[in-house]
């Protein structure tokens, strides 16, 4: 990493996208932070027009700054959809300065919007990792989990209701059997007597005479 003078209000450090530029001192809104610089490329020259890297900053249709040189500290500033800085482009002077558009506190990462063309070509294919987009994705994931839980609960309630309907339907179709208790039907009808059972089996029962009486004989 390039050495940064101690009087500068920033440092290079680790961020969620790799390296980034972080404030070490308070930076007021509107203040100049750092200049974006490097060799000027002329699109009219074939060799210049053939150069390709992620640090090319187009000033106009002809001139482009090649910011890939290590001394260009501004190249460490990452993109953000809701930035705290912006690029102040001055094509006639062939100069770009990064300025604060918000008050930036020590420890905050400095960022600016790279523009639509750069976003579509380099950032969109891999997904933007700025704070605003991370919060948006986190919210979307939470909403998706909540929706999934709601659908699961709805399906469980529907399945339970269906099971209850089927159980009630089965109960209505099944005939009920009368229960017995102590030889009697619970519906109030008496059970068959022992005598009736014996008569049915062919056994006769003789009546007994009175005690001490005489039986009559036939003449």
C-alpha atoms as a PDB file:
ATOM      1  CA  UNK A   1       0.000   0.000   0.000  1.00  0.00           C
ATOM      2  CA  UNK A   2       1.261   3.508  -0.738  1.00  0.00           C
ATOM      3  CA  UNK A   3       2.475   5.654   2.143  1.00  0.00           C
ATOM      4  CA  UNK A   4       0.038   8.392   3.134  1.00  0.00           C
ATOM      5  CA  UNK A   5       1.259  11.607   4.810  1.00  0.00           C
ATOM      6  CA  UNK A   6       0.122  11.904   8.432  1.00  0.00           C
ATOM      7  CA  UNK A   7      -1.590  15.241   7.750  1.00  0.00           C
ATOM      8  CA  UNK A   8      -4.053  13.622   5.335  1.00  0.00           C
ATOM      9  CA  UNK A   9      -7.532  12.848   6.785  1.00  0.00           C
ATOM     10  CA  UNK A  10      -7.688   9.281   5.481  1.00  0.00           C
ATOM     11  CA  UNK A  11      -6.020   5.882   5.451  1.00  0.00           C
ATOM     12  CA  UNK A  12      -6.243   2.721   3.365  1.00  0.00           C
ATOM     13  CA  UNK A  13      -7.864  -0.186   5.196  1.00  0.00           C
ATOM     14  CA  UNK A  14      -9.863  -3.363   4.802  1.00  0.00           C
ATOM     15  CA  UNK A  15     -13.487  -3.071   3.709  1.00  0.00           C
ATOM     16  CA  UNK A  16     -16.225  -5.556   2.698  1.00  0.00           C
ATOM     17  CA  UNK A  17     -15.049  -5.321  -0.924  1.00  0.00           C
ATOM     18  CA  UNK A  18     -11.310  -5.615  -0.271  1.00  0.00           C
ATOM     19  CA  UNK A  19      -9.428  -2.379   0.330  1.00  0.00           C
ATOM     20  CA  UNK A  20     -11.075   0.965   0.943  1.00  0.00           C
ATOM     21  CA  UNK A  21     -10.344   4.515   2.030  1.00  0.00           C
ATOM     22  CA  UNK A  22     -11.353   5.487   5.587  1.00  0.00           C
ATOM     23  CA  UNK A  23     -11.494   8.846   7.317  1.00  0.00           C
ATOM     24  CA  UNK A  24      -9.019   9.386  10.183  1.00  0.00           C
ATOM     25  CA  UNK A  25     -10.224  12.911  10.976  1.00  0.00           C
ATOM     26  CA  UNK A  26     -13.582  14.703  10.659  1.00  0.00           C
ATOM     27  CA  UNK A  27     -14.220  15.820   7.076  1.00  0.00           C
ATOM     28  CA  UNK A  28     -16.769  18.570   6.582  1.00  0.00           C
ATOM     29  CA  UNK A  29     -19.368  18.602   3.842  1.00  0.00           C
ATOM     30  CA  UNK A  30     -17.973  20.240   0.692  1.00  0.00           C
ATOM     31  CA  UNK A  31     -14.334  19.710   1.649  1.00  0.00           C
ATOM     32  CA  UNK A  32     -11.824  18.385  -0.869  1.00  0.00           C
ATOM     33  CA  UNK A  33     -10.659  14.911   0.150  1.00  0.00           C
ATOM     34  CA  UNK A  34      -8.267  13.673  -2.520  1.00  0.00           C
ATOM     35  CA  UNK A  35      -7.483  14.090  -6.202  1.00  0.00           C
ATOM     36  CA  UNK A  36      -8.044  11.255  -8.677  1.00  0.00           C
ATOM     37  CA  UNK A  37      -5.021  11.304 -10.963  1.00  0.00           C
ATOM     38  CA  UNK A  38      -2.875   9.275 -13.344  1.00  0.00           C
ATOM     39  CA  UNK A  39      -1.596   9.330 -16.920  1.00  0.00           C
ATOM     40  CA  UNK A  40      -3.924  10.911 -19.473  1.00  0.00           C
ATOM     41  CA  UNK A  41      -5.054   8.601 -22.249  1.00  0.00           C
ATOM     42  CA  UNK A  42      -6.011   9.977 -25.661  1.00  0.00           C
ATOM     43  CA  UNK A  43      -8.751   7.910 -27.316  1.00  0.00           C
ATOM     44  CA  UNK A  44      -7.489   9.111 -30.716  1.00  0.00           C
ATOM     45  CA  UNK A  45      -4.327   7.129 -30.169  1.00  0.00           C
ATOM     46  CA  UNK A  46      -4.709   3.437 -30.797  1.00  0.00           C
ATOM     47  CA  UNK A  47      -2.304   2.376 -28.024  1.00  0.00           C
ATOM     48  CA  UNK A  48      -4.108   4.536 -25.439  1.00  0.00           C
ATOM     49  CA  UNK A  49      -7.538   3.421 -26.590  1.00  0.00           C
ATOM     50  CA  UNK A  50      -6.487  -0.230 -26.233  1.00  0.00           C
ATOM     51  CA  UNK A  51      -5.750   0.107 -22.482  1.00  0.00           C
ATOM     52  CA  UNK A  52      -8.338  -1.610 -20.288  1.00  0.00           C
ATOM     53  CA  UNK A  53      -8.565  -1.697 -16.468  1.00  0.00           C
ATOM     54  CA  UNK A  54     -11.044  -0.912 -13.692  1.00  0.00           C
ATOM     55  CA  UNK A  55      -9.458   2.443 -12.823  1.00  0.00           C
ATOM     56  CA  UNK A  56     -10.117   4.347 -16.046  1.00  0.00           C
ATOM     57  CA  UNK A  57     -11.899   7.653 -15.336  1.00  0.00           C
ATOM     58  CA  UNK A  58     -13.385   9.171 -18.481  1.00  0.00           C
ATOM     59  CA  UNK A  59     -13.250  12.972 -18.606  1.00  0.00           C
ATOM     60  CA  UNK A  60     -14.868  13.378 -22.022  1.00  0.00           C
ATOM     61  CA  UNK A  61     -15.041  11.617 -25.385  1.00  0.00           C
ATOM     62  CA  UNK A  62     -11.313  12.088 -25.898  1.00  0.00           C
ATOM     63  CA  UNK A  63      -9.508  12.167 -22.557  1.00  0.00           C
ATOM     64  CA  UNK A  64      -9.425   9.496 -19.870  1.00  0.00           C
ATOM     65  CA  UNK A  65      -7.408   9.264 -16.647  1.00  0.00           C
ATOM     66  CA  UNK A  66      -5.642   5.952 -16.045  1.00  0.00           C
ATOM     67  CA  UNK A  67      -5.897   5.766 -12.264  1.00  0.00           C
ATOM     68  CA  UNK A  68      -4.214   2.363 -11.889  1.00  0.00           C
ATOM     69  CA  UNK A  69      -0.925   3.901 -10.686  1.00  0.00           C
ATOM     70  CA  UNK A  70      -0.143   3.148  -7.012  1.00  0.00           C
ATOM     71  CA  UNK A  71       0.293   6.798  -6.103  1.00  0.00           C
ATOM     72  CA  UNK A  72      -3.371   7.422  -6.944  1.00  0.00           C
ATOM     73  CA  UNK A  73      -4.820   7.014  -3.436  1.00  0.00           C
ATOM     74  CA  UNK A  74      -8.298   7.860  -4.748  1.00  0.00           C
ATOM     75  CA  UNK A  75      -8.430   4.526  -6.573  1.00  0.00           C
ATOM     76  CA  UNK A  76      -9.046   2.838  -3.206  1.00  0.00           C
ATOM     77  CA  UNK A  77     -12.358   4.678  -2.769  1.00  0.00           C
ATOM     78  CA  UNK A  78     -15.193   2.199  -3.287  1.00  0.00           C
ATOM     79  CA  UNK A  79     -18.566   2.654  -4.951  1.00  0.00           C
ATOM     80  CA  UNK A  80     -21.742   3.263  -2.900  1.00  0.00           C
ATOM     81  CA  UNK A  81     -25.332   3.742  -3.999  1.00  0.00           C
ATOM     82  CA  UNK A  82     -25.779   6.216  -1.121  1.00  0.00           C
ATOM     83  CA  UNK A  83     -22.324   7.801  -0.962  1.00  0.00           C
ATOM     84  CA  UNK A  84     -20.832  10.412   1.359  1.00  0.00           C
ATOM     85  CA  UNK A  85     -18.629  11.894  -1.382  1.00  0.00           C
ATOM     86  CA  UNK A  86     -18.747  12.688  -5.096  1.00  0.00           C
ATOM     87  CA  UNK A  87     -16.383  13.154  -8.007  1.00  0.00           C
ATOM     88  CA  UNK A  88     -15.944  16.773  -9.090  1.00  0.00           C
ATOM     89  CA  UNK A  89     -14.964  16.446 -12.755  1.00  0.00           C
ATOM     90  CA  UNK A  90     -13.302  19.346 -14.587  1.00  0.00           C
ATOM     91  CA  UNK A  91     -12.766  18.199 -18.200  1.00  0.00           C
ATOM     92  CA  UNK A  92     -11.077  21.410 -19.377  1.00  0.00           C
ATOM     93  CA  UNK A  93      -8.492  21.181 -16.659  1.00  0.00           C
ATOM     94  CA  UNK A  94      -8.382  17.396 -17.123  1.00  0.00           C
ATOM     95  CA  UNK A  95      -8.776  17.043 -13.400  1.00  0.00           C
ATOM     96  CA  UNK A  96     -10.969  15.089 -10.979  1.00  0.00           C
ATOM     97  CA  UNK A  97     -11.331  15.849  -7.278  1.00  0.00           C
ATOM     98  CA  UNK A  98     -13.249  13.789  -4.711  1.00  0.00           C
ATOM     99  CA  UNK A  99     -15.292  16.005  -2.380  1.00  0.00           C
ATOM    100  CA  UNK A 100     -17.441  15.265   0.653  1.00  0.00           C
ATOM    101  CA  UNK A 101     -21.184  15.716   0.209  1.00  0.00           C
ATOM    102  CA  UNK A 102     -21.858  14.879   3.865  1.00  0.00           C
ATOM    103  CA  UNK A 103     -20.029  15.336   7.136  1.00  0.00           C
ATOM    104  CA  UNK A 104     -17.739  12.317   7.425  1.00  0.00           C
ATOM    105  CA  UNK A 105     -16.671  11.081  10.843  1.00  0.00           C
ATOM    106  CA  UNK A 106     -13.384   9.331  11.738  1.00  0.00           C
ATOM    107  CA  UNK A 107     -13.666   5.615  10.954  1.00  0.00           C
ATOM    108  CA  UNK A 108     -16.276   6.097   8.206  1.00  0.00           C
ATOM    109  CA  UNK A 109     -15.468   4.614   4.821  1.00  0.00           C
ATOM    110  CA  UNK A 110     -15.265   7.228   2.069  1.00  0.00           C
ATOM    111  CA  UNK A 111     -17.227   6.343  -1.054  1.00  0.00           C
ATOM    112  CA  UNK A 112     -18.837   7.835  -4.145  1.00  0.00           C
ATOM    113  CA  UNK A 113     -21.129   6.713  -6.970  1.00  0.00           C
ATOM    114  CA  UNK A 114     -19.105   5.322  -9.886  1.00  0.00           C
ATOM    115  CA  UNK A 115     -21.880   6.003 -12.381  1.00  0.00           C
ATOM    116  CA  UNK A 116     -24.332   3.907 -14.370  1.00  0.00           C
ATOM    117  CA  UNK A 117     -21.938   2.581 -17.031  1.00  0.00           C
ATOM    118  CA  UNK A 118     -19.336   1.346 -14.551  1.00  0.00           C
ATOM    119  CA  UNK A 119     -22.038  -0.110 -12.300  1.00  0.00           C
ATOM    120  CA  UNK A 120     -23.585  -2.143 -15.133  1.00  0.00           C
ATOM    121  CA  UNK A 121     -20.249  -3.423 -16.427  1.00  0.00           C
ATOM    122  CA  UNK A 122     -18.355  -4.242 -13.237  1.00  0.00           C
ATOM    123  CA  UNK A 123     -20.575  -4.124 -10.133  1.00  0.00           C
ATOM    124  CA  UNK A 124     -24.007  -5.417 -11.139  1.00  0.00           C
ATOM    125  CA  UNK A 125     -22.752  -8.844 -12.368  1.00  0.00           C
ATOM    126  CA  UNK A 126     -21.302  -9.643  -8.907  1.00  0.00           C
ATOM    127  CA  UNK A 127     -23.790  -7.651  -6.815  1.00  0.00           C
ATOM    128  CA  UNK A 128     -23.221  -4.317  -5.097  1.00  0.00           C
ATOM    129  CA  UNK A 129     -21.793  -4.690  -1.591  1.00  0.00           C
ATOM    130  CA  UNK A 130     -22.265  -1.138  -0.356  1.00  0.00           C
ATOM    131  CA  UNK A 131     -23.974  -0.569   3.012  1.00  0.00           C
ATOM    132  CA  UNK A 132     -27.280   0.506   1.431  1.00  0.00           C
ATOM    133  CA  UNK A 133     -27.481  -2.583  -0.791  1.00  0.00           C
ATOM    134  CA  UNK A 134     -26.455  -4.923   2.037  1.00  0.00           C
ATOM    135  CA  UNK A 135     -29.248  -3.506   4.212  1.00  0.00           C
ATOM    136  CA  UNK A 136     -31.706  -3.896   1.343  1.00  0.00           C
ATOM    137  CA  UNK A 137     -30.725  -7.522   0.781  1.00  0.00           C
ATOM    138  CA  UNK A 138     -30.901  -8.223   4.519  1.00  0.00           C
ATOM    139  CA  UNK A 139     -34.425  -6.780   4.635  1.00  0.00           C
ATOM    140  CA  UNK A 140     -35.450  -8.824   1.587  1.00  0.00           C
ATOM    141  CA  UNK A 141     -34.088 -12.031   3.156  1.00  0.00           C
ATOM    142  CA  UNK A 142     -35.985 -11.328   6.390  1.00  0.00           C
ATOM    143  CA  UNK A 143     -39.208 -10.686   4.444  1.00  0.00           C
ATOM    144  CA  UNK A 144     -38.698 -13.892   2.452  1.00  0.00           C
ATOM    145  CA  UNK A 145     -38.214 -15.915   5.657  1.00  0.00           C
ATOM    146  CA  UNK A 146     -41.334 -14.359   7.200  1.00  0.00           C
ATOM    147  CA  UNK A 147     -43.375 -15.111   4.065  1.00  0.00           C
ATOM    148  CA  UNK A 148     -42.131 -18.707   4.058  1.00  0.00           C
ATOM    149  CA  UNK A 149     -43.121 -19.088   7.722  1.00  0.00           C
ATOM    150  CA  UNK A 150     -46.587 -17.656   7.022  1.00  0.00           C
ATOM    151  CA  UNK A 151     -47.141 -20.045   4.107  1.00  0.00           C
ATOM    152  CA  UNK A 152     -45.970 -23.008   6.201  1.00  0.00           C
ATOM    153  CA  UNK A 153     -48.331 -22.102   9.060  1.00  0.00           C
ATOM    154  CA  UNK A 154     -51.204 -21.676   6.587  1.00  0.00           C
ATOM    155  CA  UNK A 155     -50.506 -25.094   5.051  1.00  0.00           C
ATOM    156  CA  UNK A 156     -50.399 -26.716   8.507  1.00  0.00           C
ATOM    157  CA  UNK A 157     -53.738 -25.143   9.477  1.00  0.00           C
ATOM    158  CA  UNK A 158     -55.282 -26.327   6.211  1.00  0.00           C
ATOM    159  CA  UNK A 159     -53.973 -29.880   6.712  1.00  0.00           C
ATOM    160  CA  UNK A 160     -55.288 -29.971  10.296  1.00  0.00           C
ATOM    161  CA  UNK A 161     -58.722 -28.756   9.225  1.00  0.00           C
ATOM    162  CA  UNK A 162     -58.844 -31.360   6.457  1.00  0.00           C
ATOM    163  CA  UNK A 163     -57.876 -34.120   8.893  1.00  0.00           C
ATOM    164  CA  UNK A 164     -60.631 -33.045  11.294  1.00  0.00           C
ATOM    165  CA  UNK A 165     -63.196 -33.121   8.483  1.00  0.00           C
ATOM    166  CA  UNK A 166     -62.138 -36.616   7.436  1.00  0.00           C
ATOM    167  CA  UNK A 167     -62.293 -37.884  11.036  1.00  0.00           C
ATOM    168  CA  UNK A 168     -65.802 -36.466  11.507  1.00  0.00           C
ATOM    169  CA  UNK A 169     -66.969 -38.014   8.227  1.00  0.00           C
ATOM    170  CA  UNK A 170     -65.579 -41.435   9.207  1.00  0.00           C
ATOM    171  CA  UNK A 171     -67.315 -41.241  12.601  1.00  0.00           C
ATOM    172  CA  UNK A 172     -70.701 -40.617  10.965  1.00  0.00           C
ATOM    173  CA  UNK A 173     -70.365 -43.644   8.672  1.00  0.00           C
ATOM    174  CA  UNK A 174     -69.328 -46.161  11.383  1.00  0.00           C
ATOM    175  CA  UNK A 175     -72.418 -47.975  13.041  1.00  0.00           C
ATOM    176  CA  UNK A 176     -72.565 -47.957  16.819  1.00  0.00           C
ATOM    177  CA  UNK A 177     -72.865 -51.316  18.739  1.00  0.00           C
ATOM    178  CA  UNK A 178     -75.054 -51.582  21.919  1.00  0.00           C
ATOM    179  CA  UNK A 179     -73.024 -52.238  25.020  1.00  0.00           C
ATOM    180  CA  UNK A 180     -73.922 -54.876  27.726  1.00  0.00           C
ATOM    181  CA  UNK A 181     -73.781 -54.479  31.465  1.00  0.00           C
ATOM    182  CA  UNK A 182     -74.525 -57.198  34.054  1.00  0.00           C
ATOM    183  CA  UNK A 183     -76.554 -59.344  31.603  1.00  0.00           C
ATOM    184  CA  UNK A 184     -78.817 -56.511  30.552  1.00  0.00           C
ATOM    185  CA  UNK A 185     -78.759 -54.413  27.455  1.00  0.00           C
ATOM    186  CA  UNK A 186     -78.130 -50.756  28.095  1.00  0.00           C
ATOM    187  CA  UNK A 187     -81.207 -49.957  25.981  1.00  0.00           C
ATOM    188  CA  UNK A 188     -83.504 -51.283  28.796  1.00  0.00           C
ATOM    189  CA  UNK A 189     -84.445 -54.767  27.428  1.00  0.00           C
ATOM    190  CA  UNK A 190     -84.021 -57.657  29.862  1.00  0.00           C
ATOM    191  CA  UNK A 191     -81.763 -60.523  28.969  1.00  0.00           C
ATOM    192  CA  UNK A 192     -83.168 -64.008  28.409  1.00  0.00           C
ATOM    193  CA  UNK A 193     -84.034 -65.914  31.633  1.00  0.00           C
ATOM    194  CA  UNK A 194     -82.303 -69.123  32.628  1.00  0.00           C
ATOM    195  CA  UNK A 195     -85.631 -71.019  32.337  1.00  0.00           C
ATOM    196  CA  UNK A 196     -86.147 -69.865  28.823  1.00  0.00           C
ATOM    197  CA  UNK A 197     -82.665 -71.048  27.927  1.00  0.00           C
ATOM    198  CA  UNK A 198     -83.300 -74.475  29.477  1.00  0.00           C
ATOM    199  CA  UNK A 199     -86.740 -74.887  27.782  1.00  0.00           C
ATOM    200  CA  UNK A 200     -85.135 -74.107  24.490  1.00  0.00           C
ATOM    201  CA  UNK A 201     -82.612 -76.891  25.035  1.00  0.00           C
ATOM    202  CA  UNK A 202     -85.425 -79.580  25.622  1.00  0.00           C
ATOM    203  CA  UNK A 203     -85.096 -80.026  29.412  1.00  0.00           C
ATOM    204  CA  UNK A 204     -88.502 -80.221  31.237  1.00  0.00           C
ATOM    205  CA  UNK A 205     -88.998 -78.930  34.739  1.00  0.00           C
ATOM    206  CA  UNK A 206     -91.452 -80.800  37.074  1.00  0.00           C
ATOM    207  CA  UNK A 207     -93.384 -78.969  39.705  1.00  0.00           C
ATOM    208  CA  UNK A 208     -92.705 -80.154  43.214  1.00  0.00           C
ATOM    209  CA  UNK A 209     -95.574 -81.285  45.498  1.00  0.00           C
ATOM    210  CA  UNK A 210     -96.382 -79.734  48.802  1.00  0.00           C
ATOM    211  CA  UNK A 211     -94.480 -81.015  51.800  1.00  0.00           C
ATOM    212  CA  UNK A 212     -96.289 -83.852  53.506  1.00  0.00           C
ATOM    213  CA  UNK A 213     -98.915 -84.181  50.822  1.00  0.00           C
ATOM    214  CA  UNK A 214     -99.855 -87.356  49.043  1.00  0.00           C
ATOM    215  CA  UNK A 215     -99.781 -87.801  45.396  1.00  0.00           C
ATOM    216  CA  UNK A 216    -102.866 -89.063  43.763  1.00  0.00           C
ATOM    217  CA  UNK A 217    -102.735 -92.422  41.972  1.00  0.00           C
ATOM    218  CA  UNK A 218    -104.794 -93.184  39.027  1.00  0.00           C
ATOM    219  CA  UNK A 219    -107.583 -95.855  39.540  1.00  0.00           C
END
